[in-house]
């Protein structure tokens, strides 16, 4: 029992002290959550509700992820917290948005402007769309093509956000390694001075 408690304490300390560790852990949790949500997602296929319904899937979990990250990092009102909030606390929220955009069906649902029913396309990889239930001025095939374009647009947005996150991560890692290098050099100089004086 003691080793389990020790492990949990160490895990909590790592999550609190390292934004990178907590963001990676949160990323895996969000991936699992998105897969669960994907199974239950049903677009209303009603132009009046599509945007509002899909927006809830984008906004509510992103805000919750941001708030949980703030709690995990134990943010207090000081200079360190302001810097941390501006950077690492937003990462889980952005990861959530990336996952939804890469999936495509949430964005396609939000942008669907015709009445229909949410069905799976049999001819392609499992993809859901709002099949029209009434005669429109355009054919169902044209609406399906428009829906597939919306999927692609969504995935492009997701890839662009992913590129920004990757670039931010590279900048963060380079900046942290540059900070540690002078500290290591200062420690080596102090150590050499200590040995030479004795």
N, C-alpha and C. Protein backbone atom coordinates (compact mmCIF):
# COMPACT_ATOMS: atom_id res chain seq x y z
N UNK A 1 0.82 -1.19 0.00
CA UNK A 1 0.00 0.00 0.00
C UNK A 1 0.86 1.26 0.00
N UNK A 2 1.99 1.23 0.73
CA UNK A 2 2.88 2.37 0.81
C UNK A 2 3.50 2.71 -0.54
N UNK A 3 3.89 1.68 -1.31
CA UNK A 3 4.50 1.95 -2.61
C UNK A 3 3.49 2.53 -3.58
N UNK A 4 2.23 2.11 -3.46
CA UNK A 4 1.18 2.67 -4.33
C UNK A 4 0.98 4.15 -4.01
N UNK A 5 0.92 4.47 -2.73
CA UNK A 5 0.76 5.87 -2.31
C UNK A 5 1.96 6.70 -2.75
N UNK A 6 3.14 6.13 -2.65
CA UNK A 6 4.36 6.81 -3.07
C UNK A 6 4.33 7.08 -4.57
N UNK A 7 3.88 6.09 -5.35
CA UNK A 7 3.78 6.24 -6.80
C UNK A 7 2.79 7.33 -7.17
N UNK A 8 1.62 7.36 -6.51
CA UNK A 8 0.61 8.39 -6.78
C UNK A 8 1.13 9.78 -6.42
N UNK A 9 1.86 9.89 -5.31
CA UNK A 9 2.43 11.17 -4.91
C UNK A 9 3.45 11.64 -5.94
N UNK A 10 4.29 10.73 -6.39
CA UNK A 10 5.30 11.08 -7.39
C UNK A 10 4.63 11.50 -8.71
N UNK A 11 3.58 10.76 -9.12
CA UNK A 11 2.85 11.10 -10.34
C UNK A 11 2.24 12.49 -10.23
N UNK A 12 1.63 12.80 -9.10
CA UNK A 12 1.03 14.11 -8.88
C UNK A 12 2.09 15.21 -8.95
N UNK A 13 3.24 14.96 -8.35
CA UNK A 13 4.33 15.95 -8.39
C UNK A 13 4.82 16.18 -9.81
N UNK A 14 4.97 15.09 -10.58
CA UNK A 14 5.42 15.22 -11.97
C UNK A 14 4.42 16.02 -12.79
N UNK A 15 3.12 15.71 -12.61
CA UNK A 15 2.09 16.44 -13.36
C UNK A 15 2.05 17.91 -12.97
N UNK A 16 2.24 18.20 -11.69
CA UNK A 16 2.20 19.58 -11.22
C UNK A 16 3.42 20.38 -11.66
N UNK A 17 4.58 19.75 -11.63
CA UNK A 17 5.82 20.49 -11.87
C UNK A 17 6.25 20.55 -13.32
N UNK A 18 5.78 19.63 -14.14
CA UNK A 18 6.23 19.58 -15.53
C UNK A 18 5.05 19.78 -16.48
N UNK A 19 4.98 20.95 -17.12
CA UNK A 19 3.91 21.18 -18.08
C UNK A 19 3.93 20.18 -19.23
N UNK A 20 5.11 19.76 -19.65
CA UNK A 20 5.21 18.83 -20.77
C UNK A 20 4.59 17.48 -20.41
N UNK A 21 4.92 16.95 -19.23
CA UNK A 21 4.38 15.66 -18.78
C UNK A 21 2.87 15.74 -18.65
N UNK A 22 2.37 16.81 -18.04
CA UNK A 22 0.92 16.93 -17.85
C UNK A 22 0.20 17.10 -19.18
N UNK A 23 0.81 17.81 -20.13
CA UNK A 23 0.18 17.97 -21.44
C UNK A 23 0.15 16.66 -22.22
N UNK A 24 1.20 15.87 -22.13
CA UNK A 24 1.22 14.57 -22.81
C UNK A 24 0.16 13.65 -22.21
N UNK A 25 0.09 13.61 -20.88
CA UNK A 25 -0.91 12.78 -20.21
C UNK A 25 -2.32 13.22 -20.61
N UNK A 26 -2.53 14.52 -20.60
CA UNK A 26 -3.84 15.06 -20.98
C UNK A 26 -4.16 14.74 -22.44
N UNK A 27 -3.17 14.78 -23.31
CA UNK A 27 -3.38 14.46 -24.72
C UNK A 27 -3.90 13.06 -24.92
N UNK A 28 -3.33 12.09 -24.21
CA UNK A 28 -3.80 10.71 -24.33
C UNK A 28 -5.22 10.55 -23.78
N UNK A 29 -5.50 11.23 -22.69
CA UNK A 29 -6.86 11.18 -22.13
C UNK A 29 -7.85 11.77 -23.12
N UNK A 30 -7.50 12.89 -23.73
CA UNK A 30 -8.39 13.54 -24.69
C UNK A 30 -8.61 12.68 -25.93
N UNK A 31 -7.59 11.96 -26.37
CA UNK A 31 -7.76 11.08 -27.53
C UNK A 31 -8.79 9.99 -27.22
N UNK A 32 -8.70 9.41 -26.04
CA UNK A 32 -9.68 8.40 -25.65
C UNK A 32 -11.08 8.98 -25.53
N UNK A 33 -11.18 10.17 -24.95
CA UNK A 33 -12.47 10.84 -24.81
C UNK A 33 -13.09 11.15 -26.16
N UNK A 34 -12.27 11.59 -27.10
CA UNK A 34 -12.80 11.91 -28.44
C UNK A 34 -13.34 10.67 -29.12
N UNK A 35 -12.67 9.54 -28.95
CA UNK A 35 -13.16 8.29 -29.55
C UNK A 35 -14.50 7.87 -28.94
N UNK A 36 -14.65 8.07 -27.63
CA UNK A 36 -15.93 7.77 -26.99
C UNK A 36 -17.03 8.70 -27.48
N UNK A 37 -16.71 9.98 -27.58
CA UNK A 37 -17.69 10.97 -28.03
C UNK A 37 -18.08 10.70 -29.48
N UNK A 38 -17.12 10.30 -30.29
CA UNK A 38 -17.37 10.02 -31.71
C UNK A 38 -18.43 8.93 -31.88
N UNK A 39 -18.38 7.93 -31.01
CA UNK A 39 -19.35 6.84 -31.09
C UNK A 39 -20.76 7.32 -30.80
N UNK A 40 -20.89 8.31 -29.92
CA UNK A 40 -22.20 8.78 -29.50
C UNK A 40 -22.69 10.00 -30.28
N UNK A 41 -21.84 10.62 -31.07
CA UNK A 41 -22.21 11.86 -31.76
C UNK A 41 -23.27 11.60 -32.82
N UNK A 42 -24.35 12.35 -32.76
CA UNK A 42 -25.42 12.30 -33.75
C UNK A 42 -25.76 13.72 -34.16
N UNK A 43 -25.41 14.07 -35.36
CA UNK A 43 -25.72 15.41 -35.86
C UNK A 43 -27.24 15.55 -36.01
N UNK A 44 -27.83 16.67 -35.55
CA UNK A 44 -29.28 16.84 -35.68
C UNK A 44 -29.75 16.97 -37.13
N UNK A 45 -28.84 17.32 -38.04
CA UNK A 45 -29.18 17.51 -39.46
C UNK A 45 -30.33 18.49 -39.64
N UNK A 46 -30.29 19.53 -38.84
CA UNK A 46 -31.26 20.61 -38.90
C UNK A 46 -30.45 21.91 -38.92
N UNK A 47 -30.53 22.69 -40.00
CA UNK A 47 -29.69 23.88 -40.11
C UNK A 47 -29.79 24.83 -38.92
N UNK A 48 -30.92 24.86 -38.25
CA UNK A 48 -31.07 25.75 -37.10
C UNK A 48 -30.26 25.28 -35.89
N UNK A 49 -30.00 23.97 -35.79
CA UNK A 49 -29.33 23.42 -34.62
C UNK A 49 -27.91 22.92 -34.87
N UNK A 50 -27.55 22.65 -36.09
CA UNK A 50 -26.25 22.04 -36.38
C UNK A 50 -25.07 22.81 -35.80
N UNK A 51 -25.02 24.11 -36.07
CA UNK A 51 -23.89 24.92 -35.61
C UNK A 51 -23.81 24.98 -34.10
N UNK A 52 -24.93 25.20 -33.44
CA UNK A 52 -24.97 25.30 -31.99
C UNK A 52 -24.59 23.97 -31.34
N UNK A 53 -25.15 22.89 -31.85
CA UNK A 53 -24.88 21.56 -31.30
C UNK A 53 -23.40 21.20 -31.45
N UNK A 54 -22.86 21.40 -32.64
CA UNK A 54 -21.44 21.07 -32.87
C UNK A 54 -20.51 21.98 -32.09
N UNK A 55 -20.87 23.25 -31.95
CA UNK A 55 -20.04 24.18 -31.18
C UNK A 55 -19.88 23.74 -29.74
N UNK A 56 -20.93 23.15 -29.18
CA UNK A 56 -20.84 22.65 -27.81
C UNK A 56 -19.75 21.59 -27.68
N UNK A 57 -19.60 20.74 -28.70
CA UNK A 57 -18.56 19.72 -28.67
C UNK A 57 -17.16 20.33 -28.78
N UNK A 58 -17.05 21.47 -29.46
CA UNK A 58 -15.77 22.14 -29.57
C UNK A 58 -15.43 22.92 -28.30
N UNK A 59 -16.40 23.66 -27.76
CA UNK A 59 -16.13 24.64 -26.72
C UNK A 59 -16.10 24.04 -25.31
N UNK A 60 -17.12 23.28 -24.94
CA UNK A 60 -17.24 22.83 -23.55
C UNK A 60 -16.05 21.95 -23.11
N UNK A 61 -15.69 20.90 -23.85
CA UNK A 61 -14.52 20.11 -23.42
C UNK A 61 -13.21 20.91 -23.46
N UNK A 62 -13.07 21.84 -24.39
CA UNK A 62 -11.84 22.64 -24.45
C UNK A 62 -11.72 23.51 -23.20
N UNK A 63 -12.81 24.14 -22.78
CA UNK A 63 -12.78 24.96 -21.56
C UNK A 63 -12.51 24.09 -20.34
N UNK A 64 -13.13 22.91 -20.29
CA UNK A 64 -12.89 22.00 -19.17
C UNK A 64 -11.42 21.55 -19.13
N UNK A 65 -10.85 21.25 -20.29
CA UNK A 65 -9.44 20.83 -20.34
C UNK A 65 -8.53 21.96 -19.85
N UNK A 66 -8.84 23.20 -20.25
CA UNK A 66 -8.05 24.34 -19.79
C UNK A 66 -8.15 24.49 -18.27
N UNK A 67 -9.37 24.41 -17.74
CA UNK A 67 -9.56 24.57 -16.29
C UNK A 67 -8.87 23.45 -15.52
N UNK A 68 -8.98 22.21 -16.00
CA UNK A 68 -8.32 21.10 -15.32
C UNK A 68 -6.80 21.25 -15.35
N UNK A 69 -6.27 21.75 -16.45
CA UNK A 69 -4.83 21.97 -16.54
C UNK A 69 -4.39 23.02 -15.53
N UNK A 70 -5.20 24.05 -15.36
CA UNK A 70 -4.88 25.08 -14.36
C UNK A 70 -4.87 24.47 -12.95
N UNK A 71 -5.84 23.59 -12.67
CA UNK A 71 -5.92 22.95 -11.36
C UNK A 71 -4.73 22.02 -11.14
N UNK A 72 -4.40 21.22 -12.16
CA UNK A 72 -3.28 20.27 -12.05
C UNK A 72 -1.97 21.00 -11.79
N UNK A 73 -1.77 22.11 -12.47
CA UNK A 73 -0.51 22.84 -12.31
C UNK A 73 -0.50 23.70 -11.06
N UNK A 74 -1.61 23.72 -10.33
CA UNK A 74 -1.65 24.46 -9.07
C UNK A 74 -1.35 25.93 -9.26
N UNK A 75 -2.03 26.53 -10.17
CA UNK A 75 -1.74 27.91 -10.53
C UNK A 75 -2.18 28.89 -9.44
N UNK A 76 -1.27 29.78 -9.07
CA UNK A 76 -1.54 30.86 -8.14
C UNK A 76 -1.23 32.17 -8.84
N UNK A 77 -1.67 33.24 -8.26
CA UNK A 77 -1.47 34.56 -8.91
C UNK A 77 -0.05 35.07 -8.67
N UNK A 78 0.87 34.62 -9.47
CA UNK A 78 2.23 35.15 -9.44
C UNK A 78 2.78 35.16 -10.87
N UNK A 79 3.99 35.63 -11.04
CA UNK A 79 4.56 35.78 -12.39
C UNK A 79 4.69 34.42 -13.08
N UNK A 80 5.10 33.37 -12.34
CA UNK A 80 5.25 32.05 -12.96
C UNK A 80 3.92 31.57 -13.51
N UNK A 81 2.85 31.78 -12.74
CA UNK A 81 1.53 31.32 -13.18
C UNK A 81 1.08 32.05 -14.43
N UNK A 82 1.29 33.34 -14.50
CA UNK A 82 0.86 34.08 -15.69
C UNK A 82 1.57 33.57 -16.93
N UNK A 83 2.86 33.27 -16.82
CA UNK A 83 3.60 32.76 -17.97
C UNK A 83 3.12 31.35 -18.33
N UNK A 84 2.89 30.52 -17.32
CA UNK A 84 2.45 29.15 -17.55
C UNK A 84 1.05 29.11 -18.15
N UNK A 85 0.16 29.96 -17.63
CA UNK A 85 -1.21 29.99 -18.13
C UNK A 85 -1.21 30.35 -19.61
N UNK A 86 -0.38 31.29 -19.99
CA UNK A 86 -0.38 31.73 -21.38
C UNK A 86 0.15 30.67 -22.33
N UNK A 87 0.90 29.72 -21.82
CA UNK A 87 1.49 28.72 -22.71
C UNK A 87 0.89 27.33 -22.53
N UNK A 88 1.27 26.67 -21.48
CA UNK A 88 0.97 25.23 -21.37
C UNK A 88 -0.47 24.91 -21.02
N UNK A 89 -1.19 25.81 -20.39
CA UNK A 89 -2.57 25.50 -20.02
C UNK A 89 -3.50 25.45 -21.22
N UNK A 90 -3.11 26.11 -22.30
CA UNK A 90 -3.95 26.10 -23.49
C UNK A 90 -3.71 24.86 -24.37
N UNK A 91 -2.61 24.16 -24.15
CA UNK A 91 -2.27 23.04 -25.01
C UNK A 91 -3.35 21.95 -25.02
N UNK A 92 -3.88 21.49 -23.87
CA UNK A 92 -4.93 20.46 -23.95
C UNK A 92 -6.17 20.94 -24.70
N UNK A 93 -6.54 22.20 -24.53
CA UNK A 93 -7.70 22.72 -25.27
C UNK A 93 -7.44 22.71 -26.77
N UNK A 94 -6.25 23.08 -27.17
CA UNK A 94 -5.91 23.09 -28.60
C UNK A 94 -5.82 21.65 -29.12
N UNK A 95 -5.30 20.73 -28.30
CA UNK A 95 -5.24 19.32 -28.70
C UNK A 95 -6.66 18.79 -28.93
N UNK A 96 -7.59 19.18 -28.06
CA UNK A 96 -8.99 18.76 -28.24
C UNK A 96 -9.52 19.27 -29.57
N UNK A 97 -9.27 20.54 -29.87
CA UNK A 97 -9.74 21.11 -31.14
C UNK A 97 -9.12 20.39 -32.33
N UNK A 98 -7.83 20.08 -32.22
CA UNK A 98 -7.16 19.35 -33.30
C UNK A 98 -7.83 18.00 -33.53
N UNK A 99 -8.12 17.28 -32.45
CA UNK A 99 -8.75 15.96 -32.58
C UNK A 99 -10.11 16.07 -33.26
N UNK A 100 -10.89 17.08 -32.89
CA UNK A 100 -12.21 17.23 -33.50
C UNK A 100 -12.11 17.63 -34.97
N UNK A 101 -11.18 18.54 -35.28
CA UNK A 101 -11.02 18.94 -36.68
C UNK A 101 -10.50 17.78 -37.52
N UNK A 102 -9.57 16.98 -37.00
CA UNK A 102 -9.05 15.85 -37.76
C UNK A 102 -10.12 14.79 -37.99
N UNK A 103 -11.05 14.66 -37.07
CA UNK A 103 -12.15 13.71 -37.26
C UNK A 103 -13.04 14.15 -38.41
N UNK A 104 -13.38 15.43 -38.46
CA UNK A 104 -14.12 15.98 -39.60
C UNK A 104 -15.61 16.03 -39.47
N UNK A 105 -16.22 15.08 -38.77
CA UNK A 105 -17.68 15.02 -38.76
C UNK A 105 -18.31 16.16 -37.95
N UNK A 106 -17.61 16.69 -36.94
CA UNK A 106 -18.16 17.77 -36.13
C UNK A 106 -18.25 19.06 -36.95
N UNK A 107 -17.18 19.36 -37.68
CA UNK A 107 -17.16 20.56 -38.52
C UNK A 107 -18.16 20.42 -39.66
N UNK A 108 -18.20 19.23 -40.28
CA UNK A 108 -19.14 19.01 -41.39
C UNK A 108 -20.58 19.16 -40.90
N UNK A 109 -20.87 18.66 -39.71
CA UNK A 109 -22.20 18.82 -39.14
C UNK A 109 -22.52 20.29 -38.93
N UNK A 110 -21.58 21.04 -38.36
CA UNK A 110 -21.82 22.46 -38.09
C UNK A 110 -22.09 23.24 -39.37
N UNK A 111 -21.47 22.85 -40.47
CA UNK A 111 -21.58 23.60 -41.71
C UNK A 111 -22.69 23.09 -42.63
N UNK A 112 -23.35 21.99 -42.25
CA UNK A 112 -24.43 21.43 -43.06
C UNK A 112 -25.63 22.36 -43.01
N UNK A 113 -26.12 22.76 -44.18
CA UNK A 113 -27.22 23.72 -44.23
C UNK A 113 -28.47 23.14 -44.90
N UNK A 114 -28.68 21.83 -44.78
CA UNK A 114 -29.89 21.21 -45.31
C UNK A 114 -30.46 20.24 -44.27
N UNK A 115 -31.75 19.97 -44.38
CA UNK A 115 -32.42 19.02 -43.48
C UNK A 115 -32.11 17.60 -43.96
N UNK A 116 -31.92 16.70 -43.02
CA UNK A 116 -31.63 15.32 -43.40
C UNK A 116 -31.63 14.41 -42.21
N UNK A 117 -31.06 13.23 -42.43
CA UNK A 117 -30.87 12.27 -41.35
C UNK A 117 -29.41 11.84 -41.37
N UNK A 118 -28.87 11.61 -40.18
CA UNK A 118 -27.46 11.30 -40.01
C UNK A 118 -27.24 9.82 -40.29
N UNK A 119 -26.56 9.49 -41.40
CA UNK A 119 -26.37 8.11 -41.80
C UNK A 119 -24.90 7.85 -42.14
N UNK A 120 -24.56 6.58 -42.22
CA UNK A 120 -23.21 6.16 -42.60
C UNK A 120 -23.18 5.95 -44.10
N UNK A 121 -22.14 6.46 -44.75
CA UNK A 121 -21.95 6.26 -46.18
C UNK A 121 -21.40 4.85 -46.37
N UNK A 122 -22.06 4.07 -47.21
CA UNK A 122 -21.64 2.68 -47.43
C UNK A 122 -20.49 2.56 -48.42
N UNK A 123 -20.36 3.52 -49.30
CA UNK A 123 -19.41 3.39 -50.41
C UNK A 123 -17.98 3.73 -50.04
N UNK A 124 -17.76 4.37 -48.92
CA UNK A 124 -16.42 4.83 -48.57
C UNK A 124 -16.04 4.27 -47.20
N UNK A 125 -14.91 4.76 -46.70
CA UNK A 125 -14.54 4.43 -45.33
C UNK A 125 -15.66 4.95 -44.43
N UNK A 126 -15.85 4.34 -43.27
CA UNK A 126 -16.98 4.74 -42.44
C UNK A 126 -17.00 6.26 -42.22
N UNK A 127 -17.96 6.88 -42.83
CA UNK A 127 -18.12 8.32 -42.74
C UNK A 127 -19.61 8.61 -42.61
N UNK A 128 -19.96 9.50 -41.69
CA UNK A 128 -21.36 9.84 -41.50
C UNK A 128 -21.63 11.21 -42.13
N UNK A 129 -22.84 11.38 -42.62
CA UNK A 129 -23.22 12.66 -43.18
C UNK A 129 -24.73 12.82 -43.06
N UNK A 130 -25.20 14.04 -43.34
CA UNK A 130 -26.63 14.34 -43.29
C UNK A 130 -27.24 14.08 -44.66
N UNK A 131 -27.83 12.91 -44.82
CA UNK A 131 -28.47 12.56 -46.09
C UNK A 131 -29.79 13.35 -46.17
N UNK A 132 -30.02 14.07 -47.27
CA UNK A 132 -31.24 14.88 -47.36
C UNK A 132 -32.50 14.01 -47.35
N UNK A 133 -33.53 14.50 -46.64
CA UNK A 133 -34.78 13.74 -46.57
C UNK A 133 -35.87 14.35 -47.45
N UNK A 134 -35.61 15.53 -47.96
CA UNK A 134 -36.59 16.16 -48.85
C UNK A 134 -35.88 16.67 -50.09
N UNK A 135 -36.63 16.87 -51.12
CA UNK A 135 -36.05 17.36 -52.38
C UNK A 135 -35.48 18.75 -52.19
N UNK A 136 -34.24 18.90 -52.56
CA UNK A 136 -33.57 20.20 -52.50
C UNK A 136 -33.34 20.67 -53.93
N UNK A 137 -32.85 21.89 -54.05
CA UNK A 137 -32.55 22.40 -55.39
C UNK A 137 -31.31 21.74 -55.98
N UNK A 138 -30.53 21.09 -55.12
CA UNK A 138 -29.35 20.36 -55.59
C UNK A 138 -29.55 18.87 -55.31
N UNK A 139 -28.85 18.03 -56.04
CA UNK A 139 -29.02 16.58 -55.91
C UNK A 139 -28.32 16.05 -54.65
N UNK A 140 -28.74 14.89 -54.16
CA UNK A 140 -28.07 14.29 -53.01
C UNK A 140 -26.58 14.03 -53.26
N UNK A 141 -26.22 13.71 -54.51
CA UNK A 141 -24.80 13.47 -54.82
C UNK A 141 -23.99 14.75 -54.64
N UNK A 142 -24.55 15.89 -55.06
CA UNK A 142 -23.85 17.16 -54.88
C UNK A 142 -23.72 17.51 -53.40
N UNK A 143 -24.76 17.21 -52.62
CA UNK A 143 -24.70 17.47 -51.18
C UNK A 143 -23.68 16.55 -50.51
N UNK A 144 -23.57 15.30 -50.99
CA UNK A 144 -22.57 14.39 -50.44
C UNK A 144 -21.16 14.89 -50.76
N UNK A 145 -20.96 15.37 -51.98
CA UNK A 145 -19.66 15.94 -52.34
C UNK A 145 -19.33 17.15 -51.49
N UNK A 146 -20.32 18.00 -51.24
CA UNK A 146 -20.11 19.17 -50.39
C UNK A 146 -19.75 18.73 -48.97
N UNK A 147 -20.43 17.70 -48.48
CA UNK A 147 -20.14 17.17 -47.15
C UNK A 147 -18.72 16.61 -47.08
N UNK A 148 -18.29 15.91 -48.13
CA UNK A 148 -16.92 15.38 -48.15
C UNK A 148 -15.90 16.50 -48.21
N UNK A 149 -16.21 17.59 -48.93
CA UNK A 149 -15.31 18.75 -48.96
C UNK A 149 -15.19 19.36 -47.56
N UNK A 150 -16.31 19.39 -46.82
CA UNK A 150 -16.27 19.92 -45.46
C UNK A 150 -15.39 19.05 -44.56
N UNK A 151 -15.44 17.72 -44.77
CA UNK A 151 -14.55 16.82 -44.02
C UNK A 151 -13.09 17.17 -44.30
N UNK A 152 -12.78 17.37 -45.58
CA UNK A 152 -11.39 17.68 -45.96
C UNK A 152 -10.97 19.03 -45.40
N UNK A 153 -11.84 20.04 -45.50
CA UNK A 153 -11.52 21.36 -44.94
C UNK A 153 -11.24 21.25 -43.45
N UNK A 154 -12.06 20.48 -42.75
CA UNK A 154 -11.87 20.29 -41.32
C UNK A 154 -10.52 19.66 -41.02
N UNK A 155 -10.15 18.65 -41.80
CA UNK A 155 -8.88 17.98 -41.57
C UNK A 155 -7.70 18.90 -41.89
N UNK A 156 -7.85 19.77 -42.87
CA UNK A 156 -6.79 20.75 -43.17
C UNK A 156 -6.62 21.70 -42.00
N UNK A 157 -7.72 22.17 -41.43
CA UNK A 157 -7.65 23.05 -40.25
C UNK A 157 -6.95 22.32 -39.11
N UNK A 158 -7.29 21.04 -38.90
CA UNK A 158 -6.65 20.25 -37.86
C UNK A 158 -5.15 20.10 -38.08
N UNK A 159 -4.76 19.87 -39.32
CA UNK A 159 -3.33 19.73 -39.63
C UNK A 159 -2.59 21.04 -39.40
N UNK A 160 -3.19 22.16 -39.78
CA UNK A 160 -2.55 23.47 -39.56
C UNK A 160 -2.38 23.72 -38.06
N UNK A 161 -3.41 23.43 -37.26
CA UNK A 161 -3.28 23.58 -35.80
C UNK A 161 -2.20 22.66 -35.25
N UNK A 162 -2.12 21.44 -35.77
CA UNK A 162 -1.09 20.50 -35.32
C UNK A 162 0.31 21.01 -35.64
N UNK A 163 0.47 21.61 -36.81
CA UNK A 163 1.76 22.18 -37.18
C UNK A 163 2.14 23.30 -36.21
N UNK A 164 1.17 24.16 -35.85
CA UNK A 164 1.46 25.23 -34.89
C UNK A 164 1.86 24.67 -33.54
N UNK A 165 1.18 23.62 -33.08
CA UNK A 165 1.54 23.00 -31.80
C UNK A 165 2.95 22.42 -31.88
N UNK A 166 3.27 21.74 -32.98
CA UNK A 166 4.61 21.15 -33.15
C UNK A 166 5.68 22.23 -33.16
N UNK A 167 5.43 23.31 -33.89
CA UNK A 167 6.40 24.41 -33.91
C UNK A 167 6.57 25.02 -32.53
N UNK A 168 5.47 25.19 -31.82
CA UNK A 168 5.54 25.71 -30.45
C UNK A 168 6.33 24.79 -29.54
N UNK A 169 6.14 23.49 -29.70
CA UNK A 169 6.87 22.52 -28.89
C UNK A 169 8.36 22.57 -29.20
N UNK A 170 8.71 22.69 -30.48
CA UNK A 170 10.12 22.79 -30.86
C UNK A 170 10.75 24.05 -30.26
N UNK A 171 10.05 25.17 -30.35
CA UNK A 171 10.56 26.43 -29.77
C UNK A 171 10.73 26.27 -28.26
N UNK A 172 9.76 25.66 -27.61
CA UNK A 172 9.84 25.45 -26.15
C UNK A 172 11.05 24.60 -25.78
N UNK A 173 11.24 23.49 -26.48
CA UNK A 173 12.36 22.59 -26.18
C UNK A 173 13.70 23.27 -26.42
N UNK A 174 13.81 24.00 -27.53
CA UNK A 174 15.07 24.70 -27.84
C UNK A 174 15.34 25.77 -26.78
N UNK A 175 14.31 26.52 -26.43
CA UNK A 175 14.48 27.58 -25.43
C UNK A 175 14.89 27.02 -24.08
N UNK A 176 14.25 25.91 -23.67
CA UNK A 176 14.60 25.29 -22.39
C UNK A 176 16.02 24.73 -22.40
N UNK A 177 16.43 24.14 -23.53
CA UNK A 177 17.80 23.60 -23.58
C UNK A 177 18.82 24.73 -23.60
N UNK A 178 18.49 25.85 -24.22
CA UNK A 178 19.40 27.00 -24.20
C UNK A 178 19.51 27.60 -22.80
N UNK A 179 18.41 27.57 -22.04
CA UNK A 179 18.43 28.07 -20.66
C UNK A 179 19.29 27.17 -19.79
N UNK A 180 19.18 25.84 -19.99
CA UNK A 180 19.91 24.90 -19.15
C UNK A 180 21.39 24.90 -19.45
N UNK A 181 21.77 25.21 -20.69
CA UNK A 181 23.19 25.20 -21.07
C UNK A 181 24.01 26.21 -20.26
N UNK A 182 23.59 27.49 -20.17
CA UNK A 182 24.37 28.43 -19.33
C UNK A 182 24.37 28.02 -17.86
N UNK A 183 23.27 27.48 -17.35
CA UNK A 183 23.23 27.04 -15.96
C UNK A 183 24.24 25.91 -15.73
N UNK A 184 24.33 24.98 -16.68
CA UNK A 184 25.29 23.88 -16.57
C UNK A 184 26.71 24.41 -16.64
N UNK A 185 26.96 25.38 -17.55
CA UNK A 185 28.29 25.97 -17.65
C UNK A 185 28.66 26.70 -16.37
N UNK A 186 27.71 27.44 -15.79
CA UNK A 186 27.97 28.15 -14.53
C UNK A 186 28.29 27.18 -13.41
N UNK A 187 27.56 26.07 -13.36
CA UNK A 187 27.81 25.06 -12.33
C UNK A 187 29.18 24.43 -12.54
N UNK A 188 29.57 24.16 -13.79
CA UNK A 188 30.90 23.59 -14.07
C UNK A 188 32.01 24.56 -13.69
N UNK A 189 31.83 25.84 -13.99
CA UNK A 189 32.84 26.86 -13.64
C UNK A 189 32.96 26.95 -12.12
N UNK A 190 31.83 26.94 -11.42
CA UNK A 190 31.86 27.02 -9.95
C UNK A 190 32.55 25.78 -9.37
N UNK A 191 32.28 24.63 -9.95
CA UNK A 191 32.90 23.39 -9.48
C UNK A 191 34.41 23.40 -9.72
N UNK A 192 34.81 23.88 -10.91
CA UNK A 192 36.25 23.95 -11.22
C UNK A 192 36.94 24.95 -10.32
N UNK A 193 36.29 26.06 -10.01
CA UNK A 193 36.87 27.07 -9.12
C UNK A 193 37.05 26.49 -7.73
N UNK A 194 36.08 25.72 -7.28
CA UNK A 194 36.14 25.09 -5.97
C UNK A 194 37.32 24.12 -5.90
N UNK A 195 37.52 23.30 -6.94
CA UNK A 195 38.62 22.34 -6.95
C UNK A 195 39.97 23.05 -7.07
N UNK A 196 40.04 24.10 -7.84
CA UNK A 196 41.34 24.78 -8.03
C UNK A 196 41.76 25.56 -6.79
N UNK A 197 40.78 26.02 -6.00
CA UNK A 197 41.13 26.78 -4.81
C UNK A 197 41.54 25.87 -3.66
N UNK A 198 41.17 24.59 -3.72
CA UNK A 198 41.54 23.68 -2.62
C UNK A 198 42.80 22.93 -2.94
